[in-house]
Amino acid sequence: MLIRLKEKIEANLGNSKEEFWQVLFTENQWIISEMISVPISIFSSKAYYGGKNIFNEQGNLGDLLYRNQITNNVVIVEIKTPMTAIIGSKYRNNTYLISDELSGGINQLLTSRDSLRKEYYSIAVKSHQAFEVLEPKCLLIIGKLSVLDSEQIPSFEMFRNTLSNITVITFDELLKKIDNLIGLFTQ
């Protein structure tokens, strides 16, 4: 199973359709659990986080909402594609800007988390299953490190390592984690 999944991801690293990736992560929900390192499972796909007005407009939908299997606390997951840029133009002194897509994805997560916090009680009371919103972690899966050069990688690493409660992981890092699991199970 792991090897087939690894091969499927490798074969689709050029796939720029978010829906493909959402289906893949929904069918293989353990992948996200491995990225977060806590026992989580999908709570909702295309989850509603709140924010609608009286005219049923402006609501916040996310790609996947996971829930900790022990604490019921949620993890908000946004999926971009391997083709999504993570670094923008050169700024100066070997420093690069992050891409609009990366900053937009992070702001999308922050907006979703904010909406979910603000509307937790009204959403939770209407939900079929219990969940908690206790400083939820956010995960953004986006782009590939393999397209960056040695000057761009430090800008990306320094940026993502300063984020609070937001994990940014690339598709090739995800693939490497699966490869490590395969190595662990085949030894």
N, C-alpha and C. Protein backbone atom coordinates (compact mmCIF):
# COMPACT_ATOMS: atom_id res chain seq x y z
N MET A 1 0.82 -1.20 0.00
CA MET A 1 0.00 0.00 0.00
C MET A 1 0.86 1.26 0.00
N LEU A 2 1.88 1.31 0.85
CA LEU A 2 2.75 2.48 0.91
C LEU A 2 3.49 2.70 -0.40
N ILE A 3 3.96 1.63 -0.97
CA ILE A 3 4.73 1.74 -2.22
C ILE A 3 3.82 2.23 -3.35
N ARG A 4 2.60 1.69 -3.43
CA ARG A 4 1.65 2.15 -4.46
C ARG A 4 1.32 3.63 -4.28
N LEU A 5 1.13 4.04 -3.03
CA LEU A 5 0.83 5.44 -2.76
C LEU A 5 2.02 6.33 -3.12
N LYS A 6 3.20 5.91 -2.77
CA LYS A 6 4.41 6.66 -3.12
C LYS A 6 4.49 6.82 -4.64
N GLU A 7 4.28 5.74 -5.37
CA GLU A 7 4.33 5.78 -6.83
C GLU A 7 3.26 6.70 -7.40
N LYS A 8 2.07 6.69 -6.81
CA LYS A 8 0.98 7.55 -7.28
C LYS A 8 1.32 9.02 -7.06
N ILE A 9 1.89 9.33 -5.90
CA ILE A 9 2.28 10.72 -5.63
C ILE A 9 3.39 11.15 -6.58
N GLU A 10 4.40 10.31 -6.74
CA GLU A 10 5.50 10.63 -7.65
C GLU A 10 5.00 10.87 -9.07
N ALA A 11 4.07 10.05 -9.51
CA ALA A 11 3.53 10.17 -10.87
C ALA A 11 2.70 11.44 -11.05
N ASN A 12 2.24 12.02 -9.97
CA ASN A 12 1.36 13.19 -10.06
C ASN A 12 1.99 14.47 -9.53
N LEU A 13 3.29 14.51 -9.35
CA LEU A 13 3.93 15.73 -8.85
C LEU A 13 3.77 16.91 -9.81
N GLY A 14 3.37 16.64 -11.03
CA GLY A 14 3.08 17.70 -11.99
C GLY A 14 1.59 18.03 -12.07
N ASN A 15 0.79 17.41 -11.24
CA ASN A 15 -0.65 17.59 -11.26
C ASN A 15 -1.03 18.86 -10.49
N SER A 16 -1.66 19.79 -11.17
CA SER A 16 -2.01 21.08 -10.55
C SER A 16 -3.49 21.17 -10.18
N LYS A 17 -4.16 20.03 -10.06
CA LYS A 17 -5.58 20.03 -9.69
C LYS A 17 -5.73 19.75 -8.20
N GLU A 18 -6.18 20.77 -7.46
CA GLU A 18 -6.34 20.63 -6.01
C GLU A 18 -7.29 19.50 -5.66
N GLU A 19 -8.33 19.32 -6.45
CA GLU A 19 -9.32 18.29 -6.15
C GLU A 19 -8.69 16.89 -6.14
N PHE A 20 -7.75 16.64 -7.06
CA PHE A 20 -7.05 15.35 -7.07
C PHE A 20 -6.37 15.11 -5.73
N TRP A 21 -5.67 16.13 -5.24
CA TRP A 21 -4.92 15.99 -4.00
C TRP A 21 -5.84 15.87 -2.79
N GLN A 22 -6.94 16.59 -2.83
CA GLN A 22 -7.89 16.48 -1.71
C GLN A 22 -8.45 15.05 -1.63
N VAL A 23 -8.79 14.47 -2.77
CA VAL A 23 -9.29 13.09 -2.79
C VAL A 23 -8.21 12.13 -2.30
N LEU A 24 -6.98 12.32 -2.75
CA LEU A 24 -5.88 11.45 -2.34
C LEU A 24 -5.69 11.49 -0.83
N PHE A 25 -5.71 12.70 -0.25
CA PHE A 25 -5.52 12.82 1.20
C PHE A 25 -6.74 12.33 1.97
N THR A 26 -7.91 12.43 1.38
CA THR A 26 -9.11 11.91 2.03
C THR A 26 -9.08 10.39 2.06
N GLU A 27 -8.67 9.79 0.96
CA GLU A 27 -8.60 8.33 0.88
C GLU A 27 -7.45 7.75 1.70
N ASN A 28 -6.45 8.56 1.97
CA ASN A 28 -5.26 8.13 2.73
C ASN A 28 -5.04 9.09 3.90
N GLN A 29 -6.03 9.18 4.76
CA GLN A 29 -6.01 10.20 5.81
C GLN A 29 -4.85 10.05 6.79
N TRP A 30 -4.24 8.90 6.87
CA TRP A 30 -3.12 8.68 7.77
C TRP A 30 -1.92 9.55 7.39
N ILE A 31 -1.84 9.98 6.12
CA ILE A 31 -0.71 10.82 5.69
C ILE A 31 -0.66 12.09 6.52
N ILE A 32 -1.80 12.75 6.68
CA ILE A 32 -1.85 14.01 7.44
C ILE A 32 -1.51 13.72 8.90
N SER A 33 -1.98 12.61 9.44
CA SER A 33 -1.66 12.24 10.82
C SER A 33 -0.15 12.11 11.01
N GLU A 34 0.53 11.58 10.01
CA GLU A 34 1.98 11.46 10.07
C GLU A 34 2.66 12.84 10.04
N MET A 35 2.08 13.78 9.33
CA MET A 35 2.66 15.12 9.25
C MET A 35 2.52 15.88 10.56
N ILE A 36 1.43 15.66 11.26
CA ILE A 36 1.14 16.37 12.51
C ILE A 36 1.71 15.61 13.71
N SER A 37 1.90 14.32 13.58
CA SER A 37 2.45 13.46 14.63
C SER A 37 1.56 13.30 15.85
N VAL A 38 0.26 13.37 15.65
CA VAL A 38 -0.71 13.01 16.68
C VAL A 38 -1.78 12.16 16.02
N PRO A 39 -2.49 11.34 16.81
CA PRO A 39 -3.50 10.46 16.20
C PRO A 39 -4.75 11.24 15.79
N ILE A 40 -4.81 11.61 14.52
CA ILE A 40 -5.95 12.36 14.01
C ILE A 40 -6.59 11.61 12.85
N SER A 41 -7.85 11.91 12.60
CA SER A 41 -8.55 11.36 11.45
C SER A 41 -9.46 12.44 10.89
N ILE A 42 -9.92 12.25 9.66
CA ILE A 42 -10.75 13.26 9.01
C ILE A 42 -12.05 13.42 9.78
N PHE A 43 -12.36 14.64 10.08
CA PHE A 43 -13.62 14.99 10.73
C PHE A 43 -14.60 15.50 9.69
N SER A 44 -14.08 16.29 8.72
CA SER A 44 -14.95 16.83 7.68
C SER A 44 -14.11 17.21 6.46
N SER A 45 -14.64 16.93 5.30
CA SER A 45 -14.05 17.38 4.06
C SER A 45 -14.83 18.61 3.62
N LYS A 46 -14.14 19.62 3.11
CA LYS A 46 -14.77 20.89 2.73
C LYS A 46 -15.58 21.44 3.90
N ALA A 47 -14.91 21.50 5.04
CA ALA A 47 -15.55 21.93 6.29
C ALA A 47 -15.94 23.40 6.23
N TYR A 48 -17.04 23.70 6.89
CA TYR A 48 -17.51 25.09 7.02
C TYR A 48 -16.99 25.64 8.34
N TYR A 49 -16.30 26.77 8.28
CA TYR A 49 -15.69 27.36 9.47
C TYR A 49 -16.44 28.58 9.98
N GLY A 50 -17.51 28.94 9.33
CA GLY A 50 -18.27 30.11 9.76
C GLY A 50 -18.07 31.27 8.80
N GLY A 51 -18.61 32.41 9.19
CA GLY A 51 -18.38 33.63 8.44
C GLY A 51 -19.49 34.03 7.49
N LYS A 52 -20.56 33.22 7.37
CA LYS A 52 -21.64 33.60 6.46
C LYS A 52 -22.46 34.74 7.04
N ASN A 53 -22.93 35.58 6.12
CA ASN A 53 -23.82 36.65 6.55
C ASN A 53 -25.27 36.21 6.36
N ILE A 54 -26.17 37.08 6.63
CA ILE A 54 -27.60 36.78 6.57
C ILE A 54 -28.05 36.36 5.16
N PHE A 55 -27.28 36.73 4.15
CA PHE A 55 -27.62 36.40 2.76
C PHE A 55 -26.93 35.12 2.28
N ASN A 56 -26.38 34.33 3.24
CA ASN A 56 -25.70 33.08 2.93
C ASN A 56 -24.48 33.30 2.03
N GLU A 57 -23.75 34.36 2.29
CA GLU A 57 -22.57 34.72 1.51
C GLU A 57 -21.35 34.79 2.43
N GLN A 58 -20.18 34.73 1.84
CA GLN A 58 -18.90 34.99 2.49
C GLN A 58 -18.49 33.95 3.52
N GLY A 59 -18.99 32.75 3.43
CA GLY A 59 -18.60 31.72 4.38
C GLY A 59 -17.19 31.21 4.10
N ASN A 60 -16.56 30.65 5.12
CA ASN A 60 -15.22 30.10 5.00
C ASN A 60 -15.28 28.58 4.94
N LEU A 61 -14.84 28.02 3.82
CA LEU A 61 -14.75 26.58 3.65
C LEU A 61 -13.29 26.19 3.57
N GLY A 62 -12.96 25.08 4.17
CA GLY A 62 -11.59 24.58 4.11
C GLY A 62 -11.53 23.25 3.40
N ASP A 63 -10.33 22.81 3.10
CA ASP A 63 -10.17 21.54 2.39
C ASP A 63 -10.49 20.35 3.28
N LEU A 64 -9.78 20.24 4.41
CA LEU A 64 -9.99 19.12 5.31
C LEU A 64 -9.92 19.59 6.76
N LEU A 65 -10.76 19.05 7.57
CA LEU A 65 -10.73 19.31 9.00
C LEU A 65 -10.51 17.96 9.68
N TYR A 66 -9.41 17.84 10.38
CA TYR A 66 -9.10 16.62 11.11
C TYR A 66 -9.45 16.82 12.58
N ARG A 67 -9.64 15.71 13.27
CA ARG A 67 -9.93 15.78 14.70
C ARG A 67 -9.05 14.77 15.42
N ASN A 68 -8.44 15.22 16.52
CA ASN A 68 -7.62 14.34 17.35
C ASN A 68 -8.52 13.24 17.90
N GLN A 69 -8.11 12.00 17.74
CA GLN A 69 -8.92 10.85 18.13
C GLN A 69 -9.04 10.71 19.65
N ILE A 70 -8.23 11.41 20.40
CA ILE A 70 -8.28 11.33 21.85
C ILE A 70 -8.86 12.60 22.47
N THR A 71 -8.39 13.76 22.02
CA THR A 71 -8.82 15.03 22.63
C THR A 71 -9.97 15.70 21.91
N ASN A 72 -10.28 15.29 20.71
CA ASN A 72 -11.30 15.89 19.84
C ASN A 72 -10.92 17.27 19.32
N ASN A 73 -9.72 17.76 19.62
CA ASN A 73 -9.29 19.06 19.09
C ASN A 73 -9.05 18.93 17.59
N VAL A 74 -9.40 19.97 16.84
CA VAL A 74 -9.31 19.91 15.39
C VAL A 74 -7.96 20.40 14.88
N VAL A 75 -7.65 19.98 13.67
CA VAL A 75 -6.50 20.44 12.89
C VAL A 75 -7.05 20.88 11.55
N ILE A 76 -6.74 22.10 11.16
CA ILE A 76 -7.25 22.66 9.90
C ILE A 76 -6.20 22.43 8.82
N VAL A 77 -6.61 21.83 7.70
CA VAL A 77 -5.67 21.47 6.63
C VAL A 77 -6.08 22.16 5.34
N GLU A 78 -5.14 22.85 4.74
CA GLU A 78 -5.32 23.45 3.41
C GLU A 78 -4.37 22.75 2.47
N ILE A 79 -4.86 22.39 1.31
CA ILE A 79 -4.06 21.70 0.31
C ILE A 79 -3.95 22.57 -0.93
N LYS A 80 -2.74 22.84 -1.33
CA LYS A 80 -2.48 23.46 -2.62
C LYS A 80 -1.98 22.34 -3.53
N THR A 81 -1.13 22.59 -4.46
CA THR A 81 -0.64 21.53 -5.34
C THR A 81 0.88 21.56 -5.37
N PRO A 82 1.49 20.49 -5.89
CA PRO A 82 2.95 20.50 -6.01
C PRO A 82 3.44 21.59 -6.97
N MET A 83 2.57 22.04 -7.85
CA MET A 83 2.95 23.05 -8.84
C MET A 83 2.84 24.48 -8.29
N THR A 84 2.34 24.63 -7.08
CA THR A 84 2.16 25.95 -6.49
C THR A 84 3.51 26.52 -6.07
N ALA A 85 3.79 27.73 -6.48
CA ALA A 85 5.06 28.38 -6.14
C ALA A 85 5.11 28.68 -4.65
N ILE A 86 6.29 28.50 -4.05
CA ILE A 86 6.45 28.84 -2.64
C ILE A 86 7.40 30.01 -2.42
N ILE A 87 8.18 30.32 -3.43
CA ILE A 87 9.11 31.45 -3.35
C ILE A 87 8.82 32.42 -4.48
N GLY A 88 8.90 33.69 -4.14
CA GLY A 88 8.69 34.74 -5.13
C GLY A 88 10.02 35.26 -5.66
N SER A 89 10.04 36.52 -5.94
CA SER A 89 11.23 37.13 -6.54
C SER A 89 12.32 37.39 -5.51
N LYS A 90 13.52 37.61 -6.04
CA LYS A 90 14.66 37.94 -5.18
C LYS A 90 14.46 39.32 -4.60
N TYR A 91 14.74 39.46 -3.33
CA TYR A 91 14.61 40.75 -2.66
C TYR A 91 15.96 41.46 -2.68
N ARG A 92 16.90 40.97 -1.93
CA ARG A 92 18.29 41.43 -1.98
C ARG A 92 19.13 40.57 -1.05
N ASN A 93 20.44 40.67 -1.20
CA ASN A 93 21.38 39.93 -0.35
C ASN A 93 20.99 38.46 -0.17
N ASN A 94 20.72 37.79 -1.27
CA ASN A 94 20.34 36.37 -1.25
C ASN A 94 19.09 36.09 -0.43
N THR A 95 18.20 37.06 -0.36
CA THR A 95 16.93 36.91 0.34
C THR A 95 15.82 36.95 -0.69
N TYR A 96 14.85 36.04 -0.51
CA TYR A 96 13.74 35.94 -1.44
C TYR A 96 12.42 36.19 -0.72
N LEU A 97 11.49 36.75 -1.45
CA LEU A 97 10.14 36.91 -0.94
C LEU A 97 9.43 35.57 -0.99
N ILE A 98 8.46 35.36 -0.12
CA ILE A 98 7.63 34.18 -0.26
C ILE A 98 6.61 34.47 -1.36
N SER A 99 6.07 33.45 -1.93
CA SER A 99 5.12 33.64 -3.04
C SER A 99 3.78 34.13 -2.53
N ASP A 100 3.01 34.74 -3.43
CA ASP A 100 1.64 35.15 -3.11
C ASP A 100 0.81 33.95 -2.71
N GLU A 101 1.04 32.81 -3.37
CA GLU A 101 0.27 31.61 -3.08
C GLU A 101 0.55 31.09 -1.66
N LEU A 102 1.81 31.15 -1.24
CA LEU A 102 2.15 30.70 0.11
C LEU A 102 1.58 31.64 1.16
N SER A 103 1.76 32.94 0.97
CA SER A 103 1.20 33.88 1.94
C SER A 103 -0.33 33.83 1.92
N GLY A 104 -0.92 33.65 0.76
CA GLY A 104 -2.37 33.53 0.66
C GLY A 104 -2.88 32.28 1.35
N GLY A 105 -2.18 31.17 1.19
CA GLY A 105 -2.56 29.92 1.85
C GLY A 105 -2.49 30.04 3.36
N ILE A 106 -1.47 30.71 3.85
CA ILE A 106 -1.34 30.92 5.30
C ILE A 106 -2.45 31.83 5.80
N ASN A 107 -2.72 32.90 5.09
CA ASN A 107 -3.81 33.78 5.50
C ASN A 107 -5.17 33.09 5.42
N GLN A 108 -5.33 32.20 4.45
CA GLN A 108 -6.55 31.41 4.36
C GLN A 108 -6.72 30.55 5.60
N LEU A 109 -5.64 29.91 6.05
CA LEU A 109 -5.68 29.11 7.27
C LEU A 109 -6.01 29.97 8.49
N LEU A 110 -5.36 31.12 8.58
CA LEU A 110 -5.59 32.02 9.72
C LEU A 110 -7.04 32.51 9.76
N THR A 111 -7.58 32.82 8.60
CA THR A 111 -8.98 33.27 8.51
C THR A 111 -9.92 32.13 8.90
N SER A 112 -9.62 30.92 8.43
CA SER A 112 -10.45 29.77 8.78
C SER A 112 -10.41 29.51 10.28
N ARG A 113 -9.22 29.56 10.86
CA ARG A 113 -9.09 29.33 12.30
C ARG A 113 -9.83 30.41 13.09
N ASP A 114 -9.71 31.65 12.66
CA ASP A 114 -10.39 32.75 13.33
C ASP A 114 -11.91 32.58 13.26
N SER A 115 -12.42 32.24 12.08
CA SER A 115 -13.87 32.03 11.92
C SER A 115 -14.35 30.88 12.79
N LEU A 116 -13.59 29.79 12.79
CA LEU A 116 -13.99 28.63 13.57
C LEU A 116 -14.00 28.95 15.07
N ARG A 117 -13.02 29.70 15.52
CA ARG A 117 -12.99 30.10 16.94
C ARG A 117 -14.21 30.97 17.28
N LYS A 118 -14.47 31.95 16.45
CA LYS A 118 -15.56 32.89 16.73
C LYS A 118 -16.93 32.23 16.67
N GLU A 119 -17.08 31.25 15.80
CA GLU A 119 -18.41 30.65 15.60
C GLU A 119 -18.50 29.23 16.12
N TYR A 120 -17.52 28.84 16.94
CA TYR A 120 -17.46 27.47 17.46
C TYR A 120 -18.78 27.02 18.09
N TYR A 121 -19.31 27.80 19.00
CA TYR A 121 -20.50 27.36 19.74
C TYR A 121 -21.72 27.20 18.83
N SER A 122 -21.89 28.10 17.88
CA SER A 122 -23.05 27.97 17.00
C SER A 122 -22.88 26.81 16.01
N ILE A 123 -21.65 26.52 15.62
CA ILE A 123 -21.41 25.40 14.71
C ILE A 123 -21.44 24.08 15.49
N ALA A 124 -20.83 24.05 16.66
CA ALA A 124 -20.72 22.81 17.44
C ALA A 124 -22.08 22.29 17.86
N VAL A 125 -22.98 23.17 18.22
CA VAL A 125 -24.29 22.73 18.69
C VAL A 125 -25.08 22.05 17.57
N LYS A 126 -24.77 22.37 16.32
CA LYS A 126 -25.48 21.78 15.18
C LYS A 126 -24.75 20.57 14.59
N SER A 127 -23.58 20.24 15.14
CA SER A 127 -22.77 19.14 14.60
C SER A 127 -23.21 17.81 15.19
N HIS A 128 -23.05 16.75 14.41
CA HIS A 128 -23.44 15.41 14.83
C HIS A 128 -22.43 14.77 15.77
N GLN A 129 -21.18 15.28 15.73
CA GLN A 129 -20.12 14.72 16.56
C GLN A 129 -19.42 15.86 17.29
N ALA A 130 -18.91 15.54 18.46
CA ALA A 130 -18.22 16.54 19.27
C ALA A 130 -16.85 16.86 18.68
N PHE A 131 -16.47 18.10 18.81
CA PHE A 131 -15.13 18.53 18.46
C PHE A 131 -14.77 19.74 19.31
N GLU A 132 -13.47 20.00 19.41
CA GLU A 132 -12.97 21.13 20.19
C GLU A 132 -12.14 22.05 19.30
N VAL A 133 -12.10 23.30 19.67
CA VAL A 133 -11.28 24.29 18.96
C VAL A 133 -10.38 24.92 20.01
N LEU A 134 -9.32 24.20 20.37
CA LEU A 134 -8.41 24.61 21.43
C LEU A 134 -7.05 24.94 20.81
N GLU A 135 -6.88 26.19 20.41
CA GLU A 135 -5.66 26.61 19.70
C GLU A 135 -5.31 25.60 18.62
N PRO A 136 -6.19 25.38 17.66
CA PRO A 136 -5.96 24.32 16.67
C PRO A 136 -4.74 24.58 15.80
N LYS A 137 -4.04 23.49 15.53
CA LYS A 137 -2.93 23.55 14.59
C LYS A 137 -3.48 23.70 13.19
N CYS A 138 -2.66 24.26 12.33
CA CYS A 138 -3.01 24.40 10.92
C CYS A 138 -1.89 23.77 10.09
N LEU A 139 -2.26 23.12 9.02
CA LEU A 139 -1.29 22.48 8.13
C LEU A 139 -1.55 22.94 6.71
N LEU A 140 -0.50 23.41 6.06
CA LEU A 140 -0.55 23.80 4.65
C LEU A 140 0.39 22.89 3.88
N ILE A 141 -0.15 22.17 2.90
CA ILE A 141 0.66 21.33 2.03
C ILE A 141 0.74 22.06 0.69
N ILE A 142 1.96 22.38 0.28
CA ILE A 142 2.12 23.28 -0.86
C ILE A 142 3.48 23.10 -1.53
N GLY A 143 3.51 23.13 -2.84
CA GLY A 143 4.73 23.24 -3.63
C GLY A 143 5.75 22.13 -3.46
N LYS A 144 6.96 22.40 -3.98
CA LYS A 144 8.06 21.45 -3.92
C LYS A 144 9.36 22.20 -3.60
N LEU A 145 10.14 21.62 -2.71
CA LEU A 145 11.47 22.16 -2.43
C LEU A 145 12.42 21.93 -3.59
N SER A 146 12.19 20.86 -4.34
CA SER A 146 13.12 20.48 -5.41
C SER A 146 13.23 21.52 -6.52
N VAL A 147 12.30 22.45 -6.60
CA VAL A 147 12.39 23.49 -7.62
C VAL A 147 13.15 24.72 -7.13
N LEU A 148 13.51 24.73 -5.84
CA LEU A 148 14.24 25.86 -5.28
C LEU A 148 15.74 25.65 -5.41
N ASP A 149 16.48 26.74 -5.53
CA ASP A 149 17.93 26.62 -5.54
C ASP A 149 18.48 26.86 -4.14
N SER A 150 19.78 26.73 -3.99
CA SER A 150 20.41 26.80 -2.67
C SER A 150 20.28 28.17 -2.01
N GLU A 151 20.02 29.22 -2.78
CA GLU A 151 19.81 30.55 -2.21
C GLU A 151 18.36 30.73 -1.75
N GLN A 152 17.42 30.04 -2.39
CA GLN A 152 16.01 30.20 -2.06
C GLN A 152 15.58 29.39 -0.84
N ILE A 153 16.19 28.24 -0.66
CA ILE A 153 15.78 27.35 0.44
C ILE A 153 15.90 28.03 1.81
N PRO A 154 16.99 28.73 2.12
CA PRO A 154 17.06 29.38 3.44
C PRO A 154 15.93 30.38 3.68
N SER A 155 15.53 31.14 2.66
CA SER A 155 14.43 32.09 2.84
C SER A 155 13.14 31.37 3.19
N PHE A 156 12.89 30.27 2.51
CA PHE A 156 11.70 29.48 2.78
C PHE A 156 11.75 28.88 4.19
N GLU A 157 12.89 28.26 4.54
CA GLU A 157 13.02 27.62 5.84
C GLU A 157 12.88 28.62 6.99
N MET A 158 13.55 29.76 6.87
CA MET A 158 13.47 30.76 7.95
C MET A 158 12.04 31.27 8.10
N PHE A 159 11.37 31.46 6.99
CA PHE A 159 9.99 31.95 7.06
C PHE A 159 9.08 30.93 7.74
N ARG A 160 9.07 29.70 7.24
CA ARG A 160 8.11 28.72 7.78
C ARG A 160 8.41 28.32 9.21
N ASN A 161 9.68 28.38 9.61
CA ASN A 161 10.02 27.99 10.97
C ASN A 161 9.68 29.05 12.01
N THR A 162 9.27 30.23 11.56
CA THR A 162 8.85 31.26 12.52
C THR A 162 7.35 31.30 12.71
N LEU A 163 6.61 30.50 11.95
CA LEU A 163 5.15 30.51 12.05
C LEU A 163 4.70 29.82 13.33
N SER A 164 3.65 30.33 13.92
CA SER A 164 3.12 29.78 15.17
C SER A 164 1.86 28.96 14.89
N ASN A 165 1.87 27.69 15.29
CA ASN A 165 0.75 26.77 15.11
C ASN A 165 0.36 26.55 13.65
N ILE A 166 1.27 26.86 12.75
CA ILE A 166 1.05 26.58 11.33
C ILE A 166 2.25 25.80 10.82
N THR A 167 1.98 24.63 10.29
CA THR A 167 3.03 23.80 9.70
C THR A 167 2.89 23.89 8.19
N VAL A 168 3.99 24.20 7.53
CA VAL A 168 4.02 24.22 6.06
C VAL A 168 4.92 23.08 5.63
N ILE A 169 4.37 22.19 4.83
CA ILE A 169 5.14 21.05 4.33
C ILE A 169 4.98 20.98 2.82
N THR A 170 6.04 20.62 2.16
CA THR A 170 6.00 20.51 0.70
C THR A 170 5.68 19.07 0.30
N PHE A 171 5.29 18.91 -0.95
CA PHE A 171 4.94 17.59 -1.44
C PHE A 171 6.14 16.65 -1.48
N ASP A 172 7.32 17.18 -1.78
CA ASP A 172 8.48 16.28 -1.79
C ASP A 172 8.89 15.89 -0.37
N GLU A 173 8.63 16.74 0.63
CA GLU A 173 8.87 16.35 2.02
C GLU A 173 7.88 15.27 2.44
N LEU A 174 6.66 15.42 2.03
CA LEU A 174 5.63 14.42 2.31
C LEU A 174 6.03 13.09 1.69
N LEU A 175 6.50 13.14 0.47
CA LEU A 175 6.94 11.93 -0.23
C LEU A 175 8.12 11.29 0.50
N LYS A 176 9.04 12.10 1.00
CA LYS A 176 10.20 11.58 1.74
C LYS A 176 9.75 10.91 3.03
N LYS A 177 8.75 11.47 3.69
CA LYS A 177 8.23 10.86 4.92
C LYS A 177 7.63 9.48 4.61
N ILE A 178 6.92 9.36 3.51
CA ILE A 178 6.37 8.06 3.09
C ILE A 178 7.50 7.10 2.77
N ASP A 179 8.52 7.59 2.09
CA ASP A 179 9.68 6.77 1.76
C ASP A 179 10.37 6.27 3.04
N ASN A 180 10.48 7.13 4.05
CA ASN A 180 11.06 6.72 5.34
C ASN A 180 10.22 5.64 6.00
N LEU A 181 8.90 5.75 5.91
CA LEU A 181 8.02 4.73 6.47
C LEU A 181 8.21 3.40 5.76
N ILE A 182 8.34 3.45 4.44
CA ILE A 182 8.57 2.23 3.67
C ILE A 182 9.88 1.59 4.13
N GLY A 183 10.91 2.40 4.32
CA GLY A 183 12.20 1.89 4.79
C GLY A 183 12.09 1.28 6.18
N LEU A 184 11.30 1.89 7.03
CA LEU A 184 11.11 1.38 8.39
C LEU A 184 10.43 0.03 8.38
N PHE A 185 9.42 -0.13 7.53
CA PHE A 185 8.67 -1.38 7.50
C PHE A 185 9.35 -2.49 6.72
N THR A 186 10.31 -2.14 5.86
CA THR A 186 10.96 -3.18 5.07
C THR A 186 12.28 -3.64 5.68
N GLN A 187 12.68 -3.04 6.78
CA GLN A 187 13.94 -3.47 7.42
C GLN A 187 13.74 -4.68 8.29
